[in-house]
């Protein structure tokens, strides 16, 4: 394909992968993304009017981003320039812009610049075509699996429309697979394949919404499947299992899926759901997440969401981290599972978390007061003569180790940060504090349960 040619029907040679051969040739063949392409939907309306703005297609692998970009260009008869963010530089971008201006002036044709993996473009590369997108010199279509909010510069993001693509449902994947099985030219139809119900169910489940993964697995399963005497190809469950080997889980250790899954794990533990906690833990470990990262997060959960309602929670979390560090995978993963179950079923309190946030707020906003003299040590005669340590009451001189003494600066006198809940061991802490405050004639704080932001 020349740099600025009208998109043509792509090469359907038999040696091309099945997923490439089965790419839709027209928008009507496209499967999925009905929220964008059904009649009356936003992208379909724009296509019908032939007025496509610069857009970013954000979605998981195999959801149709590249195919949709080709079909958009064909639909509006625009020149199509595909770039990969991995290989292109600013020099190539400038050449494209120059040729796009010439094409617009000479033939009145628009140019669609398609950038695959746009999240890999650095700031300088994105800046290079920013003014041309703004002027309408080119129509940009970017494809990314990463959240554009984190990966695309704000000036460019404000000049494009972001369309979110979803993983294909099993019903949509079923249509893609059936078309590949039946098509005798581009698909497997000439080989008379017969996909068993068990094999089909396993294939659709393993694909996890990824059409490319489903077709790649189907193609390999067809290559190793037995052929019957009547010529039909029997693609059964063993063939699909052998071809798939293992489910490919959508995951990126530094991307949105990473943060989504760890958030789900954290909130499942916080909400006392051990079953969900185990599921998200297994999802992350199976996808290849660093177990020590998960261990660190569980330690955080032990302090943030359980705290003194069960002081042993922190010890359990640290022990799980040490156990994994000692055993490694896969033996050590069981310690993380044990920890997740313990934390999920422990009584919950974020009182320490809220107390620390309140103290930090005073440190940031209240006047920075000196340490009261009676709390200071006096290791030298000079410091003693200045009043350091004068008036300090040694708690152990009291029978109950309880003294009526102010420990905050005068500017913060009476400030209460820690407000224990009545859950778990923290109920005992709350009872103890209330008794001490009664004896010292200090006000007891009311319980507050609103979470900190």
Protein backbone atom coordinates (compact mmCIF):
# COMPACT_ATOMS: atom_id res chain seq x y z
CA UNK A 1 0.00 0.00 0.00
CA UNK A 2 1.39 3.42 -0.96
CA UNK A 3 1.50 6.06 1.70
CA UNK A 4 -1.54 8.04 0.50
CA UNK A 5 -3.82 5.66 -1.34
CA UNK A 6 -7.50 5.00 -0.94
CA UNK A 7 -7.84 1.99 1.37
CA UNK A 8 -8.37 -1.14 -0.69
CA UNK A 9 -9.58 -4.57 0.18
CA UNK A 10 -6.78 -5.97 2.25
CA UNK A 11 -4.75 -8.93 1.20
CA UNK A 12 -6.62 -12.16 1.94
CA UNK A 13 -3.90 -14.60 0.99
CA UNK A 14 -4.29 -18.02 2.43
CA UNK A 15 -0.99 -17.76 4.30
CA UNK A 16 -2.23 -14.75 6.28
CA UNK A 17 -3.48 -15.54 9.80
CA UNK A 18 -7.16 -16.36 10.08
CA UNK A 19 -7.77 -13.28 12.24
CA UNK A 20 -6.40 -11.06 9.47
CA UNK A 21 -8.26 -12.87 6.68
CA UNK A 22 -11.54 -12.52 8.54
CA UNK A 23 -11.32 -8.76 9.05
CA UNK A 24 -14.66 -7.25 7.98
CA UNK A 25 -14.69 -5.76 4.49
CA UNK A 26 -17.58 -3.45 5.23
CA UNK A 27 -19.04 -1.75 8.27
CA UNK A 28 -22.07 -4.03 8.06
CA UNK A 29 -19.82 -7.03 8.81
CA UNK A 30 -18.33 -5.45 11.91
CA UNK A 31 -19.30 -7.25 15.11
CA UNK A 32 -19.58 -5.51 18.46
CA UNK A 33 -19.52 -1.93 19.73
CA UNK A 34 -23.25 -1.50 19.15
CA UNK A 35 -23.22 1.42 21.59
CA UNK A 36 -21.24 3.33 18.95
CA UNK A 37 -22.36 1.85 15.63
CA UNK A 38 -26.06 1.01 15.90
CA UNK A 39 -28.52 3.25 14.07
CA UNK A 40 -28.78 6.58 15.85
CA UNK A 41 -25.57 6.10 17.83
CA UNK A 42 -22.92 8.77 17.89
CA UNK A 43 -20.24 7.22 15.67
CA UNK A 44 -22.78 5.85 13.20
CA UNK A 45 -24.39 9.28 12.85
CA UNK A 46 -21.00 10.85 12.18
CA UNK A 47 -20.23 8.20 9.54
CA UNK A 48 -23.59 8.67 7.83
CA UNK A 49 -22.89 12.40 7.61
CA UNK A 50 -19.31 11.83 6.51
CA UNK A 51 -18.11 14.17 9.24
CA UNK A 52 -15.64 12.20 11.32
CA UNK A 53 -13.78 14.25 13.93
CA UNK A 54 -10.39 13.29 15.26
CA UNK A 55 -10.97 10.40 17.65
CA UNK A 56 -9.21 7.97 19.96
CA UNK A 57 -10.47 4.40 20.06
CA UNK A 58 -9.78 3.10 23.55
CA UNK A 59 -10.39 -0.57 24.19
CA UNK A 60 -8.88 -3.96 25.03
CA UNK A 61 -7.03 -6.13 22.50
CA UNK A 62 -9.25 -7.77 19.90
CA UNK A 63 -12.13 -5.33 20.29
CA UNK A 64 -11.82 -4.03 16.71
CA UNK A 65 -9.91 -0.76 16.99
CA UNK A 66 -7.69 -1.18 13.91
CA UNK A 67 -10.46 -2.71 11.81
CA UNK A 68 -12.85 0.07 12.69
CA UNK A 69 -10.28 2.69 11.70
CA UNK A 70 -9.89 1.03 8.26
CA UNK A 71 -13.64 0.85 7.79
CA UNK A 72 -14.12 4.50 8.74
CA UNK A 73 -11.58 5.55 6.11
CA UNK A 74 -13.24 3.38 3.48
CA UNK A 75 -16.68 4.68 4.39
CA UNK A 76 -15.76 8.35 3.92
CA UNK A 77 -13.28 7.64 1.07
CA UNK A 78 -10.37 9.30 2.84
CA UNK A 79 -6.67 8.75 2.24
CA UNK A 80 -5.43 6.45 4.97
CA UNK A 81 -1.99 6.59 6.54
CA UNK A 82 -1.29 3.93 9.18
CA UNK A 83 1.49 4.60 11.65
CA UNK A 84 2.83 2.62 14.56
CA UNK A 85 3.91 4.67 17.53
CA UNK A 86 6.73 2.17 18.02
CA UNK A 87 8.50 3.00 14.74
CA UNK A 88 7.46 6.50 13.60
CA UNK A 89 9.37 9.70 14.32
CA UNK A 90 8.71 13.44 14.04
CA UNK A 91 10.30 13.50 10.56
CA UNK A 92 7.72 11.06 9.22
CA UNK A 93 4.91 13.02 10.84
CA UNK A 94 6.01 16.21 9.09
CA UNK A 95 6.10 14.40 5.74
CA UNK A 96 2.57 13.16 6.27
CA UNK A 97 1.31 16.64 7.13
CA UNK A 98 2.96 18.12 4.04
CA UNK A 99 1.48 15.48 1.74
CA UNK A 100 -1.94 15.80 3.38
CA UNK A 101 -1.99 19.53 2.59
CA UNK A 102 -1.08 18.81 -1.02
CA UNK A 103 -3.76 16.15 -1.33
CA UNK A 104 -6.41 18.42 0.15
CA UNK A 105 -5.53 21.24 -2.19
CA UNK A 106 -5.22 19.11 -5.35
CA UNK A 107 -7.96 16.51 -4.95
CA UNK A 108 -10.07 17.77 -2.09
CA UNK A 109 -9.55 14.50 -0.24
CA UNK A 110 -9.20 14.21 3.49
CA UNK A 111 -6.38 12.34 5.15
CA UNK A 112 -6.89 10.02 8.09
CA UNK A 113 -3.74 9.49 10.12
CA UNK A 114 -4.14 6.26 12.04
CA UNK A 115 -1.75 5.81 14.96
CA UNK A 116 -1.71 2.39 16.53
CA UNK A 117 -0.59 2.28 20.17
CA UNK A 118 -0.82 6.05 20.47
CA UNK A 119 -0.08 5.71 24.18
CA UNK A 120 3.52 4.97 23.18
CA UNK A 121 3.95 8.37 21.53
CA UNK A 122 6.06 10.67 23.66
CA UNK A 123 5.13 14.30 24.32
CA UNK A 124 7.28 15.65 21.48
CA UNK A 125 5.65 13.30 18.98
CA UNK A 126 2.17 14.23 20.15
CA UNK A 127 3.02 17.93 20.02
CA UNK A 128 4.19 17.54 16.40
CA UNK A 129 0.72 16.90 14.98
CA UNK A 130 -1.29 18.82 17.58
CA UNK A 131 -1.67 22.08 15.56
CA UNK A 132 -2.61 20.16 12.41
CA UNK A 133 -5.34 18.28 14.23
CA UNK A 134 -6.63 21.58 15.57
CA UNK A 135 -6.72 23.15 12.08
CA UNK A 136 -8.35 20.09 10.54
CA UNK A 137 -5.44 19.46 8.20
CA UNK A 138 -5.60 15.79 9.17
CA UNK A 139 -8.16 13.60 10.90
CA UNK A 140 -6.45 11.67 13.63
CA UNK A 141 -7.60 8.22 14.69
CA UNK A 142 -5.60 6.84 17.56
CA UNK A 143 -5.90 3.34 18.98
CA UNK A 144 -4.88 2.47 22.51
CA UNK A 145 -5.40 -0.16 25.17
CA UNK A 146 -4.40 2.34 27.86
CA UNK A 147 -6.51 5.02 29.52
CA UNK A 148 -5.97 8.17 27.38
CA UNK A 149 -6.34 10.32 30.49
CA UNK A 150 -2.94 9.06 31.62
CA UNK A 151 -1.17 8.56 28.29
CA UNK A 152 -2.26 11.40 25.96
CA UNK A 153 -1.23 15.00 26.56
CA UNK A 154 -4.04 17.28 27.74
CA UNK A 155 -3.95 19.69 24.73
CA UNK A 156 -4.41 16.81 22.30
CA UNK A 157 -7.01 15.10 24.47
CA UNK A 158 -9.11 18.26 24.47
CA UNK A 159 -9.17 18.27 20.64
CA UNK A 160 -10.32 14.69 20.07
CA UNK A 161 -13.33 12.59 20.93
CA UNK A 162 -12.60 9.47 22.96
CA UNK A 163 -14.71 6.41 22.17
CA UNK A 164 -14.54 3.49 24.57
CA UNK A 165 -14.67 0.04 22.97
CA UNK A 166 -15.81 -2.92 25.04
CA UNK A 167 -14.67 -6.56 25.00
CA UNK A 168 -16.93 -8.63 22.77
CA UNK A 169 -19.65 -10.59 24.50
CA UNK A 170 -19.75 -14.38 24.11
CA UNK A 171 -22.68 -13.92 21.73
CA UNK A 172 -20.65 -11.54 19.56
CA UNK A 173 -17.63 -13.84 19.68
CA UNK A 174 -19.94 -16.69 18.63
CA UNK A 175 -20.88 -14.75 15.46
CA UNK A 176 -17.21 -14.09 14.67
CA UNK A 177 -16.29 -17.76 15.13
CA UNK A 178 -19.27 -19.06 13.13
CA UNK A 179 -18.43 -16.76 10.24
CA UNK A 180 -14.86 -18.07 10.20
CA UNK A 181 -16.09 -21.66 10.25
CA UNK A 182 -18.53 -21.12 7.40
CA UNK A 183 -16.60 -18.84 5.03
CA UNK A 184 -14.96 -21.07 2.35
CA UNK A 185 -12.71 -18.33 0.93
CA UNK A 186 -11.34 -16.34 3.83
CA UNK A 187 -12.18 -18.73 6.63
CA UNK A 188 -12.11 -22.45 7.29
CA UNK A 189 -15.30 -23.40 5.43
CA UNK A 190 -13.50 -25.26 2.64
CA UNK A 191 -12.17 -27.75 5.21
CA UNK A 192 -15.69 -28.64 6.41
CA UNK A 193 -14.95 -27.97 10.09
CA UNK A 194 -17.30 -29.01 12.86
CA UNK A 195 -16.74 -27.33 16.22
CA UNK A 196 -18.17 -29.35 19.10
CA UNK A 197 -20.44 -27.54 21.58
CA UNK A 198 -17.93 -28.20 24.38
CA UNK A 199 -15.06 -26.92 22.26
CA UNK A 200 -17.03 -23.81 21.27
CA UNK A 201 -17.95 -23.02 24.88
CA UNK A 202 -14.35 -23.42 26.00
CA UNK A 203 -13.06 -21.31 23.12
CA UNK A 204 -15.45 -18.43 23.79
CA UNK A 205 -14.75 -18.47 27.51
CA UNK A 206 -10.99 -18.48 27.06
CA UNK A 207 -11.03 -15.62 24.58
CA UNK A 208 -12.25 -13.18 27.27
CA UNK A 209 -13.87 -10.88 24.72
CA UNK A 210 -10.87 -10.84 22.36
CA UNK A 211 -11.90 -11.69 18.79
CA UNK A 212 -8.30 -12.00 17.61
CA UNK A 213 -7.48 -14.46 20.40
CA UNK A 214 -10.57 -16.52 19.57
CA UNK A 215 -9.68 -16.76 15.88
CA UNK A 216 -6.01 -17.51 16.54
CA UNK A 217 -6.95 -20.34 18.88
CA UNK A 218 -9.56 -21.64 16.44
CA UNK A 219 -7.04 -21.69 13.60
CA UNK A 220 -4.47 -23.65 15.61
CA UNK A 221 -7.16 -26.04 16.88
CA UNK A 222 -8.19 -26.70 13.28
CA UNK A 223 -4.60 -27.54 12.36
CA UNK A 224 -4.27 -30.19 15.06
CA UNK A 225 -7.85 -31.50 15.05
CA UNK A 226 -8.57 -35.02 13.72
CA UNK A 227 -10.21 -35.46 10.31
CA UNK A 228 -13.00 -38.00 9.86
CA UNK A 229 -13.15 -40.46 6.95
CA UNK A 230 -15.99 -38.43 5.41
CA UNK A 231 -13.62 -35.44 5.15
CA UNK A 232 -15.06 -33.35 7.96
CA UNK A 233 -12.75 -31.74 10.48
CA UNK A 234 -13.67 -32.46 14.09
CA UNK A 235 -12.59 -29.52 16.26
CA UNK A 236 -13.34 -30.98 19.67
CA UNK A 237 -12.64 -29.87 23.24
CA UNK A 238 -9.19 -31.55 23.48
CA UNK A 239 -8.10 -29.76 20.29
CA UNK A 240 -9.22 -26.39 21.64
CA UNK A 241 -7.56 -27.04 25.00
CA UNK A 242 -4.31 -28.04 23.33
CA UNK A 243 -4.38 -24.99 21.07
CA UNK A 244 -5.20 -22.58 23.87
CA UNK A 245 -2.82 -24.05 26.46
CA UNK A 246 -3.70 -21.30 28.87
CA UNK A 247 -6.12 -18.41 29.06
CA UNK A 248 -4.54 -15.10 28.10
CA UNK A 249 -5.70 -12.62 30.71
CA UNK A 250 -5.94 -8.94 29.88
CA UNK A 251 -3.45 -7.29 32.20
CA UNK A 252 -0.83 -4.60 32.19
CA UNK A 253 1.30 -4.20 35.29
CA UNK A 254 1.49 -0.43 34.80
CA UNK A 255 -1.83 0.25 33.11
CA UNK A 256 -5.46 0.73 34.00
CA UNK A 257 -6.21 -2.98 34.39
CA UNK A 258 -3.52 -3.21 37.06
CA UNK A 259 -5.12 -0.43 39.08
CA UNK A 260 -8.66 -1.71 38.48
CA UNK A 261 -7.85 -5.19 39.80
CA UNK A 262 -5.91 -4.05 42.86
CA UNK A 263 -8.76 -1.66 43.64
CA UNK A 264 -11.23 -4.54 43.39
CA UNK A 265 -9.08 -6.65 45.73
CA UNK A 266 -8.72 -3.85 48.26
CA UNK A 267 -12.42 -3.03 48.30
CA UNK A 268 -13.46 -6.68 48.53
CA UNK A 269 -11.31 -7.06 51.66
CA UNK A 270 -12.60 -3.78 53.08
CA UNK A 271 -16.19 -4.89 52.49
CA UNK A 272 -15.58 -8.24 54.25
CA UNK A 273 -16.06 -10.41 51.14
CA UNK A 274 -13.42 -13.18 51.26
CA UNK A 275 -14.74 -14.91 48.14
CA UNK A 276 -14.35 -11.84 45.95
CA UNK A 277 -10.98 -11.10 47.56
CA UNK A 278 -9.72 -14.58 46.61
CA UNK A 279 -11.00 -14.20 43.05
CA UNK A 280 -9.26 -10.87 42.42
CA UNK A 281 -6.11 -12.16 44.11
CA UNK A 282 -6.11 -15.20 41.82
CA UNK A 283 -6.75 -13.01 38.77
CA UNK A 284 -3.74 -10.85 39.51
CA UNK A 285 -1.39 -13.71 40.37
CA UNK A 286 -2.44 -15.74 37.31
CA UNK A 287 -1.91 -12.72 35.06
CA UNK A 288 1.66 -12.35 36.33
CA UNK A 289 1.45 -9.58 38.90
CA UNK A 290 4.37 -9.33 41.33
CA UNK A 291 3.15 -11.14 44.48
CA UNK A 292 5.20 -8.84 46.68
CA UNK A 293 3.28 -5.86 45.29
CA UNK A 294 0.06 -7.55 46.39
CA UNK A 295 1.61 -8.33 49.79
CA UNK A 296 2.50 -4.68 50.25
CA UNK A 297 -1.08 -3.67 49.43
CA UNK A 298 -2.46 -6.19 51.94
CA UNK A 299 -0.20 -4.72 54.61
CA UNK A 300 -1.66 -1.31 53.80
CA UNK A 301 -5.19 -2.73 54.06
CA UNK A 302 -4.38 -4.16 57.49
CA UNK A 303 -3.61 -0.68 58.82
CA UNK A 304 -6.06 1.40 56.78
CA UNK A 305 -9.23 -0.67 57.02
CA UNK A 306 -8.74 -2.89 60.09
CA UNK A 307 -6.30 -1.06 62.33
CA UNK A 308 -6.82 -1.63 66.03
CA UNK A 309 -10.12 -3.42 65.54
CA UNK A 310 -7.81 -6.44 65.13
CA UNK A 311 -4.17 -5.50 65.88
CA UNK A 312 -3.08 -8.99 64.78
CA UNK A 313 -4.09 -8.18 61.18
CA UNK A 314 -0.91 -6.22 60.57
CA UNK A 315 1.20 -9.08 61.93
CA UNK A 316 -0.64 -11.56 59.70
CA UNK A 317 -0.06 -9.38 56.62
CA UNK A 318 3.64 -8.93 57.35
CA UNK A 319 4.00 -12.65 58.02
CA UNK A 320 2.34 -13.41 54.67
CA UNK A 321 4.84 -11.15 52.93
CA UNK A 322 7.73 -12.86 54.68
CA UNK A 323 6.29 -16.31 53.92
CA UNK A 324 6.03 -15.53 50.22
CA UNK A 325 9.52 -14.03 50.21
CA UNK A 326 10.83 -17.24 51.83
CA UNK A 327 8.88 -19.77 49.75
CA UNK A 328 8.45 -18.06 46.39
CA UNK A 329 5.86 -19.19 43.82
CA UNK A 330 3.68 -21.13 43.77
CA UNK A 331 3.94 -22.29 47.42
CA UNK A 332 4.09 -18.78 48.87
CA UNK A 333 0.94 -17.67 47.07
CA UNK A 334 -1.13 -19.67 49.55
CA UNK A 335 0.12 -17.43 52.35
CA UNK A 336 -1.22 -14.41 50.45
CA UNK A 337 -4.55 -16.19 50.03
CA UNK A 338 -4.64 -16.95 53.76
CA UNK A 339 -3.88 -13.32 54.52
CA UNK A 340 -6.60 -12.05 52.17
CA UNK A 341 -9.16 -14.33 53.85
CA UNK A 342 -8.06 -13.24 57.34
CA UNK A 343 -8.22 -9.54 56.52
CA UNK A 344 -11.58 -9.87 54.78
CA UNK A 345 -13.12 -11.59 57.81
CA UNK A 346 -11.51 -9.37 60.45
CA UNK A 347 -13.52 -6.59 62.18
CA UNK A 348 -13.08 -3.31 60.34
CA UNK A 349 -12.05 0.14 61.51
CA UNK A 350 -10.52 3.09 59.72
CA UNK A 351 -10.19 5.08 62.94
CA UNK A 352 -6.37 5.07 62.81
CA UNK A 353 -6.50 6.10 59.14
CA UNK A 354 -8.85 8.99 59.89
CA UNK A 355 -6.87 10.01 62.96
CA UNK A 356 -3.61 10.15 61.02
CA UNK A 357 -5.24 12.21 58.25
CA UNK A 358 -6.53 14.69 60.82
CA UNK A 359 -3.09 14.99 62.41
CA UNK A 360 -1.50 15.52 58.98
CA UNK A 361 -4.04 18.24 58.23
CA UNK A 362 -3.09 20.10 61.41
CA UNK A 363 0.60 19.72 60.57
CA UNK A 364 -0.05 21.30 57.18
CA UNK A 365 -2.51 24.03 58.20
CA UNK A 366 -2.15 24.82 61.92
CA UNK A 367 0.68 27.03 63.21
CA UNK A 368 3.93 25.15 63.72
CA UNK A 369 4.26 25.31 67.50
CA UNK A 370 7.39 24.44 69.46
CA UNK A 371 7.49 21.37 71.67
CA UNK A 372 6.32 22.39 75.18
CA UNK A 373 9.25 22.76 77.55
CA UNK A 374 8.03 20.14 80.01
CA UNK A 375 8.20 17.48 77.23
CA UNK A 376 11.80 18.28 76.35
CA UNK A 377 14.82 16.46 77.75
CA UNK A 378 17.48 18.50 79.55
CA UNK A 379 20.79 16.70 78.94
CA UNK A 380 22.90 19.83 79.63
CA UNK A 381 22.94 22.37 82.52
CA UNK A 382 22.14 25.18 80.09
CA UNK A 383 18.99 23.45 78.85
CA UNK A 384 17.98 22.69 82.42
CA UNK A 385 18.44 26.36 83.34
CA UNK A 386 16.17 27.31 80.44
CA UNK A 387 13.35 25.23 81.90
CA UNK A 388 13.65 22.16 79.73
CA UNK A 389 11.79 19.27 81.37
CA UNK A 390 10.45 21.36 84.25
CA UNK A 391 7.05 20.16 85.42
CA UNK A 392 7.13 16.87 83.57
CA UNK A 393 5.26 14.12 85.40
CA UNK A 394 6.72 10.60 85.03
CA UNK A 395 3.72 8.33 84.34
CA UNK A 396 5.17 5.31 86.10
CA UNK A 397 5.27 7.21 89.39
CA UNK A 398 1.47 6.97 89.38
CA UNK A 399 -0.14 3.69 90.48
CA UNK A 400 -2.11 3.45 87.21
CA UNK A 401 0.56 5.16 85.06
CA UNK A 402 -1.96 7.94 84.42
CA UNK A 403 -1.05 11.61 84.81
CA UNK A 404 -2.96 14.81 84.10
CA UNK A 405 -0.54 16.37 81.68
CA UNK A 406 -0.93 18.15 78.32
CA UNK A 407 1.15 16.72 75.49
CA UNK A 408 0.01 18.85 72.56
CA UNK A 409 1.17 22.42 71.93
CA UNK A 410 -1.08 25.04 73.55
CA UNK A 411 -2.43 25.97 70.10
CA UNK A 412 -3.85 22.44 69.73
CA UNK A 413 -4.91 21.85 73.31
CA UNK A 414 -7.89 19.52 73.52
CA UNK A 415 -7.60 18.32 69.93
CA UNK A 416 -8.83 14.72 69.47
CA UNK A 417 -7.63 12.68 66.51
CA UNK A 418 -8.13 9.05 67.41
CA UNK A 419 -11.78 8.06 67.83
CA UNK A 420 -12.00 4.28 68.25
CA UNK A 421 -14.98 2.41 66.85
CA UNK A 422 -16.97 -0.13 68.84
CA UNK A 423 -15.86 -3.01 66.59
CA UNK A 424 -13.45 -5.77 67.54
CA UNK A 425 -10.60 -5.03 69.91
CA UNK A 426 -11.04 -1.31 69.29
CA UNK A 427 -14.14 -1.44 71.47
CA UNK A 428 -11.85 -2.26 74.41
CA UNK A 429 -9.52 0.60 73.43
CA UNK A 430 -12.50 2.96 73.32
CA UNK A 431 -13.67 1.83 76.77
CA UNK A 432 -10.17 2.34 78.16
CA UNK A 433 -9.82 5.84 76.68
CA UNK A 434 -13.26 6.85 77.94
CA UNK A 435 -12.31 5.78 81.47
CA UNK A 436 -9.01 7.65 81.34
CA UNK A 437 -10.70 10.80 80.09
CA UNK A 438 -13.33 10.53 82.81
CA UNK A 439 -10.68 10.27 85.49
CA UNK A 440 -8.70 13.14 84.02
CA UNK A 441 -11.91 15.12 83.50
CA UNK A 442 -11.29 15.47 79.81
CA UNK A 443 -14.14 15.43 77.25
CA UNK A 444 -14.76 12.13 75.49
CA UNK A 445 -15.17 12.52 71.75
CA UNK A 446 -18.24 11.23 69.96
CA UNK A 447 -17.83 8.50 67.37
CA UNK A 448 -17.57 9.67 63.77
CA UNK A 449 -17.78 7.19 60.93
CA UNK A 450 -17.55 9.38 57.87
CA UNK A 451 -14.62 8.28 55.67
CA UNK A 452 -11.79 10.57 54.76
CA UNK A 453 -11.43 11.48 51.11
